[in-house]
């Protein structure tokens, strides 16, 4: 068995598709009307459909998981993030862990937690 995809819940698939393309260069592979697969295995699921499947409320910014990306030019990425999405809500701005890795954590427009760090 292998992990195939990671699914996140979004309120506006078109807006989320643009967000993940603008910041991370992800491209659409398949648009299945409320369920969109992007490159790198990220799946965007329409919140209405997801809530119907689960029968439970969706809790944005629940901090239970994160999408993790690596970027060599982290400062350049942060400049791009702030230029394109100036209203970004940060969990932590640029910091350096004790092991030397630089990271930034923030929420996407739907409250999904993202971490971008320098390669280990």
N, C-alpha and C. Protein backbone atom coordinates (compact mmCIF):
# COMPACT_ATOMS: atom_id res chain seq x y z
N UNK A 1 0.85 -1.18 0.00
CA UNK A 1 0.00 0.00 0.00
C UNK A 1 0.89 1.23 0.00
N UNK A 2 0.40 2.31 -0.64
CA UNK A 2 1.13 3.57 -0.63
C UNK A 2 0.17 4.73 -0.48
N UNK A 3 0.66 5.79 0.14
CA UNK A 3 -0.14 7.01 0.25
C UNK A 3 -0.21 7.66 -1.12
N UNK A 4 -1.40 7.92 -1.58
CA UNK A 4 -1.61 8.44 -2.92
C UNK A 4 -1.79 9.96 -2.95
N UNK A 5 -2.63 10.50 -2.07
CA UNK A 5 -2.93 11.92 -2.07
C UNK A 5 -3.14 12.43 -0.65
N UNK A 6 -3.12 13.74 -0.53
CA UNK A 6 -3.51 14.43 0.70
C UNK A 6 -4.63 15.38 0.30
N UNK A 7 -5.75 15.31 1.01
CA UNK A 7 -6.93 16.10 0.68
C UNK A 7 -7.11 17.20 1.72
N UNK A 8 -7.37 18.41 1.23
CA UNK A 8 -7.72 19.50 2.13
C UNK A 8 -9.08 20.06 1.70
N UNK A 9 -9.79 20.59 2.66
CA UNK A 9 -11.13 21.13 2.42
C UNK A 9 -11.01 22.64 2.15
N UNK A 10 -11.69 23.09 1.10
CA UNK A 10 -11.64 24.50 0.71
C UNK A 10 -13.05 25.00 0.40
N UNK A 11 -13.24 26.29 0.56
CA UNK A 11 -14.55 26.88 0.30
C UNK A 11 -14.75 27.27 -1.16
N UNK A 12 -13.66 27.58 -1.86
CA UNK A 12 -13.74 28.01 -3.25
C UNK A 12 -12.59 27.35 -4.01
N UNK A 13 -12.90 26.30 -4.74
CA UNK A 13 -11.86 25.53 -5.42
C UNK A 13 -11.07 26.38 -6.41
N UNK A 14 -11.74 27.25 -7.15
CA UNK A 14 -11.04 28.10 -8.11
C UNK A 14 -10.04 29.02 -7.42
N UNK A 15 -10.45 29.62 -6.33
CA UNK A 15 -9.58 30.51 -5.57
C UNK A 15 -8.40 29.72 -4.98
N UNK A 16 -8.68 28.54 -4.47
CA UNK A 16 -7.62 27.70 -3.88
C UNK A 16 -6.66 27.19 -4.94
N UNK A 17 -7.21 26.83 -6.09
CA UNK A 17 -6.34 26.39 -7.20
C UNK A 17 -5.36 27.49 -7.55
N UNK A 18 -5.84 28.73 -7.66
CA UNK A 18 -4.98 29.87 -7.98
C UNK A 18 -3.94 30.08 -6.88
N UNK A 19 -4.36 29.99 -5.63
CA UNK A 19 -3.46 30.18 -4.49
C UNK A 19 -2.29 29.18 -4.54
N UNK A 20 -2.61 27.91 -4.71
CA UNK A 20 -1.56 26.88 -4.72
C UNK A 20 -0.71 26.93 -5.99
N UNK A 21 -1.27 27.47 -7.06
CA UNK A 21 -0.47 27.67 -8.26
C UNK A 21 0.45 28.87 -8.08
N UNK A 22 -0.11 29.99 -7.61
CA UNK A 22 0.67 31.22 -7.43
C UNK A 22 1.87 31.01 -6.52
N UNK A 23 1.66 30.34 -5.40
CA UNK A 23 2.72 30.21 -4.40
C UNK A 23 3.63 29.01 -4.60
N UNK A 24 3.08 27.89 -5.05
CA UNK A 24 3.84 26.64 -5.07
C UNK A 24 3.98 26.04 -6.46
N UNK A 25 3.36 26.67 -7.46
CA UNK A 25 3.48 26.18 -8.83
C UNK A 25 2.72 24.90 -9.11
N UNK A 26 1.76 24.54 -8.25
CA UNK A 26 1.00 23.32 -8.47
C UNK A 26 0.02 23.51 -9.62
N UNK A 27 -0.08 22.50 -10.45
CA UNK A 27 -0.96 22.52 -11.62
C UNK A 27 -2.11 21.55 -11.41
N UNK A 28 -3.23 21.83 -12.07
CA UNK A 28 -4.37 20.92 -12.00
C UNK A 28 -4.12 19.69 -12.87
N UNK A 29 -4.40 18.54 -12.31
CA UNK A 29 -4.34 17.28 -13.06
C UNK A 29 -5.75 16.85 -13.47
N UNK A 30 -6.69 16.98 -12.54
CA UNK A 30 -8.06 16.52 -12.78
C UNK A 30 -9.03 17.41 -12.03
N UNK A 31 -10.09 17.83 -12.71
CA UNK A 31 -11.17 18.59 -12.09
C UNK A 31 -12.42 17.72 -12.15
N UNK A 32 -12.84 17.25 -11.01
CA UNK A 32 -13.96 16.32 -10.95
C UNK A 32 -15.14 16.96 -10.23
N UNK A 33 -15.45 18.22 -10.59
CA UNK A 33 -16.62 18.93 -10.07
C UNK A 33 -16.72 18.86 -8.55
N UNK A 34 -15.88 19.63 -7.90
CA UNK A 34 -15.89 19.67 -6.44
C UNK A 34 -14.76 18.90 -5.81
N UNK A 35 -13.97 18.26 -6.64
CA UNK A 35 -12.83 17.47 -6.18
C UNK A 35 -11.73 17.65 -7.22
N UNK A 36 -10.70 18.40 -6.89
CA UNK A 36 -9.66 18.73 -7.86
C UNK A 36 -8.31 18.18 -7.40
N UNK A 37 -7.65 17.46 -8.27
CA UNK A 37 -6.33 16.92 -7.98
C UNK A 37 -5.29 17.83 -8.62
N UNK A 38 -4.33 18.25 -7.79
CA UNK A 38 -3.22 19.07 -8.25
C UNK A 38 -1.95 18.22 -8.26
N UNK A 39 -0.92 18.74 -8.93
CA UNK A 39 0.37 18.05 -8.91
C UNK A 39 0.87 17.95 -7.48
N UNK A 40 1.81 17.07 -7.27
CA UNK A 40 2.39 16.77 -5.95
C UNK A 40 1.41 16.05 -5.03
N UNK A 41 0.25 15.63 -5.56
CA UNK A 41 -0.68 14.82 -4.77
C UNK A 41 -1.62 15.59 -3.88
N UNK A 42 -1.74 16.89 -4.08
CA UNK A 42 -2.67 17.67 -3.27
C UNK A 42 -4.05 17.65 -3.91
N UNK A 43 -5.06 17.34 -3.11
CA UNK A 43 -6.44 17.31 -3.58
C UNK A 43 -7.22 18.40 -2.85
N UNK A 44 -7.96 19.19 -3.62
CA UNK A 44 -8.84 20.21 -3.07
C UNK A 44 -10.27 19.66 -3.11
N UNK A 45 -10.92 19.65 -1.98
CA UNK A 45 -12.30 19.14 -1.88
C UNK A 45 -13.21 20.28 -1.47
N UNK A 46 -14.29 20.48 -2.20
CA UNK A 46 -15.27 21.50 -1.88
C UNK A 46 -15.84 21.24 -0.49
N UNK A 47 -15.86 22.28 0.34
CA UNK A 47 -16.31 22.15 1.73
C UNK A 47 -17.74 21.62 1.83
N UNK A 48 -18.61 22.03 0.93
CA UNK A 48 -20.00 21.56 0.99
C UNK A 48 -20.07 20.04 0.79
N UNK A 49 -19.30 19.55 -0.15
CA UNK A 49 -19.28 18.10 -0.42
C UNK A 49 -18.68 17.36 0.77
N UNK A 50 -17.57 17.86 1.29
CA UNK A 50 -16.90 17.21 2.41
C UNK A 50 -17.81 17.16 3.64
N UNK A 51 -18.49 18.26 3.92
CA UNK A 51 -19.39 18.30 5.08
C UNK A 51 -20.54 17.30 4.89
N UNK A 52 -21.02 17.17 3.67
CA UNK A 52 -22.08 16.20 3.38
C UNK A 52 -21.58 14.77 3.60
N UNK A 53 -20.36 14.48 3.16
CA UNK A 53 -19.77 13.14 3.37
C UNK A 53 -19.65 12.82 4.85
N UNK A 54 -19.12 13.77 5.61
CA UNK A 54 -18.84 13.53 7.02
C UNK A 54 -20.06 13.69 7.92
N UNK A 55 -20.91 14.62 7.56
CA UNK A 55 -22.03 14.93 8.44
C UNK A 55 -21.57 15.64 9.70
N UNK A 56 -20.41 16.33 9.62
CA UNK A 56 -19.86 17.05 10.77
C UNK A 56 -19.38 18.42 10.31
N UNK A 57 -19.22 19.31 11.28
CA UNK A 57 -18.70 20.64 10.97
C UNK A 57 -17.23 20.57 10.59
N UNK A 58 -16.82 21.49 9.74
CA UNK A 58 -15.42 21.64 9.37
C UNK A 58 -14.84 22.70 10.29
N UNK A 59 -13.66 22.43 10.84
CA UNK A 59 -13.04 23.33 11.80
C UNK A 59 -11.75 23.89 11.20
N UNK A 60 -11.83 25.10 10.60
CA UNK A 60 -10.61 25.69 10.06
C UNK A 60 -9.64 26.07 11.17
N UNK A 61 -8.36 26.16 10.83
CA UNK A 61 -7.30 26.52 11.78
C UNK A 61 -7.31 25.61 13.00
N UNK A 62 -7.53 24.32 12.77
CA UNK A 62 -7.55 23.39 13.90
C UNK A 62 -6.16 22.93 14.32
N UNK A 63 -5.15 23.25 13.52
CA UNK A 63 -3.76 22.98 13.86
C UNK A 63 -3.47 21.51 14.11
N UNK A 64 -4.24 20.62 13.51
CA UNK A 64 -4.04 19.19 13.71
C UNK A 64 -3.09 18.59 12.68
N UNK A 65 -2.85 19.31 11.58
CA UNK A 65 -1.93 18.83 10.56
C UNK A 65 -1.47 20.03 9.74
N UNK A 66 -0.46 19.80 8.89
CA UNK A 66 0.01 20.88 8.04
C UNK A 66 0.50 20.32 6.72
N UNK A 67 0.49 21.18 5.72
CA UNK A 67 1.13 20.87 4.45
C UNK A 67 2.55 21.41 4.57
N UNK A 68 3.54 20.59 4.21
CA UNK A 68 4.93 20.98 4.36
C UNK A 68 5.60 21.07 2.99
N UNK A 69 6.20 22.21 2.72
CA UNK A 69 6.92 22.44 1.48
C UNK A 69 8.35 22.84 1.83
N UNK A 70 9.29 22.56 0.93
CA UNK A 70 10.66 23.02 1.11
C UNK A 70 11.02 24.00 0.01
N UNK A 71 11.80 25.01 0.38
CA UNK A 71 12.20 26.06 -0.54
C UNK A 71 13.60 26.54 -0.16
N UNK A 72 14.52 26.49 -1.12
CA UNK A 72 15.89 26.95 -0.86
C UNK A 72 15.93 28.45 -0.57
N UNK A 73 15.19 29.25 -1.35
CA UNK A 73 15.17 30.70 -1.18
C UNK A 73 13.94 31.08 -0.35
N UNK A 74 14.00 30.81 0.94
CA UNK A 74 12.84 31.04 1.80
C UNK A 74 12.51 32.53 1.91
N UNK A 75 13.51 33.37 2.00
CA UNK A 75 13.26 34.80 2.09
C UNK A 75 12.57 35.30 0.83
N UNK A 76 12.99 34.80 -0.34
CA UNK A 76 12.34 35.16 -1.60
C UNK A 76 10.90 34.69 -1.64
N UNK A 77 10.66 33.48 -1.13
CA UNK A 77 9.29 32.96 -1.07
C UNK A 77 8.43 33.87 -0.19
N UNK A 78 8.95 34.27 0.95
CA UNK A 78 8.18 35.11 1.87
C UNK A 78 7.86 36.46 1.22
N UNK A 79 8.81 37.01 0.48
CA UNK A 79 8.54 38.27 -0.24
C UNK A 79 7.39 38.07 -1.24
N UNK A 80 7.42 36.95 -1.95
CA UNK A 80 6.35 36.64 -2.92
C UNK A 80 5.01 36.48 -2.20
N UNK A 81 5.00 35.72 -1.12
CA UNK A 81 3.79 35.51 -0.33
C UNK A 81 3.20 36.85 0.12
N UNK A 82 4.04 37.71 0.65
CA UNK A 82 3.56 39.00 1.16
C UNK A 82 3.11 39.93 0.04
N UNK A 83 3.72 39.83 -1.13
CA UNK A 83 3.33 40.66 -2.27
C UNK A 83 2.00 40.21 -2.86
N UNK A 84 1.82 38.90 -3.00
CA UNK A 84 0.61 38.38 -3.65
C UNK A 84 -0.55 38.23 -2.67
N UNK A 85 -0.24 37.81 -1.45
CA UNK A 85 -1.28 37.56 -0.43
C UNK A 85 -0.93 38.32 0.85
N UNK A 86 -1.06 39.65 0.83
CA UNK A 86 -0.65 40.47 1.98
C UNK A 86 -1.47 40.24 3.25
N UNK A 87 -2.66 39.66 3.12
CA UNK A 87 -3.51 39.42 4.29
C UNK A 87 -3.26 38.06 4.94
N UNK A 88 -2.17 37.40 4.59
CA UNK A 88 -1.84 36.09 5.14
C UNK A 88 -1.81 36.15 6.67
N UNK A 89 -2.41 35.12 7.28
CA UNK A 89 -2.38 34.99 8.73
C UNK A 89 -1.24 34.03 9.07
N UNK A 90 -0.30 34.50 9.86
CA UNK A 90 0.88 33.72 10.22
C UNK A 90 0.69 33.01 11.55
N UNK A 91 1.22 31.80 11.63
CA UNK A 91 1.35 31.10 12.91
C UNK A 91 2.69 31.52 13.50
N UNK A 92 3.73 31.48 12.69
CA UNK A 92 5.01 32.09 13.05
C UNK A 92 5.67 32.61 11.79
N UNK A 93 6.22 33.79 11.91
CA UNK A 93 6.97 34.37 10.81
C UNK A 93 8.32 33.67 10.75
N UNK A 94 9.17 34.10 9.86
CA UNK A 94 10.45 33.44 9.65
C UNK A 94 11.19 33.24 10.98
N UNK A 95 11.55 31.98 11.21
CA UNK A 95 12.30 31.62 12.42
C UNK A 95 13.32 30.55 12.06
N UNK A 96 14.26 30.33 12.93
CA UNK A 96 15.26 29.28 12.73
C UNK A 96 15.18 28.32 13.91
N UNK A 97 14.97 27.04 13.59
CA UNK A 97 14.95 26.00 14.62
C UNK A 97 16.35 25.77 15.17
N UNK A 98 16.44 25.12 16.31
CA UNK A 98 17.74 24.85 16.95
C UNK A 98 18.64 24.00 16.07
N UNK A 99 18.07 23.23 15.14
CA UNK A 99 18.87 22.39 14.25
C UNK A 99 19.28 23.13 12.97
N UNK A 100 18.93 24.43 12.87
CA UNK A 100 19.41 25.25 11.78
C UNK A 100 18.44 25.46 10.63
N UNK A 101 17.32 24.76 10.62
CA UNK A 101 16.35 24.91 9.54
C UNK A 101 15.53 26.18 9.74
N UNK A 102 15.39 26.97 8.67
CA UNK A 102 14.53 28.15 8.69
C UNK A 102 13.14 27.72 8.24
N UNK A 103 12.11 28.25 8.89
CA UNK A 103 10.73 27.92 8.54
C UNK A 103 9.82 29.13 8.74
N UNK A 104 8.70 29.07 8.05
CA UNK A 104 7.60 30.01 8.25
C UNK A 104 6.32 29.17 8.22
N UNK A 105 5.36 29.52 9.06
CA UNK A 105 4.07 28.80 9.08
C UNK A 105 2.94 29.82 8.97
N UNK A 106 1.94 29.46 8.18
CA UNK A 106 0.82 30.36 7.94
C UNK A 106 -0.38 29.53 7.48
N UNK A 107 -1.54 30.19 7.44
CA UNK A 107 -2.76 29.53 6.99
C UNK A 107 -3.07 29.93 5.55
N UNK A 108 -3.60 28.97 4.79
CA UNK A 108 -4.13 29.32 3.48
C UNK A 108 -5.47 30.03 3.71
N UNK A 109 -6.12 30.52 2.66
CA UNK A 109 -7.37 31.26 2.86
C UNK A 109 -8.49 30.47 3.56
N UNK A 110 -8.38 29.14 3.59
CA UNK A 110 -9.41 28.32 4.23
C UNK A 110 -9.00 27.82 5.60
N UNK A 111 -7.87 28.28 6.11
CA UNK A 111 -7.44 27.88 7.44
C UNK A 111 -6.64 26.59 7.49
N UNK A 112 -6.16 26.12 6.34
CA UNK A 112 -5.28 24.96 6.32
C UNK A 112 -3.86 25.43 6.63
N UNK A 113 -3.20 24.78 7.56
CA UNK A 113 -1.87 25.18 8.01
C UNK A 113 -0.81 24.74 7.01
N UNK A 114 0.09 25.67 6.69
CA UNK A 114 1.18 25.42 5.74
C UNK A 114 2.49 25.77 6.43
N UNK A 115 3.48 24.91 6.23
CA UNK A 115 4.84 25.22 6.66
C UNK A 115 5.74 25.18 5.43
N UNK A 116 6.60 26.20 5.32
CA UNK A 116 7.61 26.21 4.28
C UNK A 116 8.94 26.32 4.98
N UNK A 117 9.83 25.38 4.69
CA UNK A 117 11.12 25.39 5.33
C UNK A 117 12.25 25.20 4.33
N UNK A 118 13.44 25.53 4.77
CA UNK A 118 14.61 25.28 3.94
C UNK A 118 14.87 23.78 3.93
N UNK A 119 15.44 23.25 2.84
CA UNK A 119 15.70 21.81 2.77
C UNK A 119 16.61 21.35 3.90
N UNK A 120 16.35 20.15 4.36
CA UNK A 120 17.16 19.56 5.44
C UNK A 120 18.33 18.80 4.87
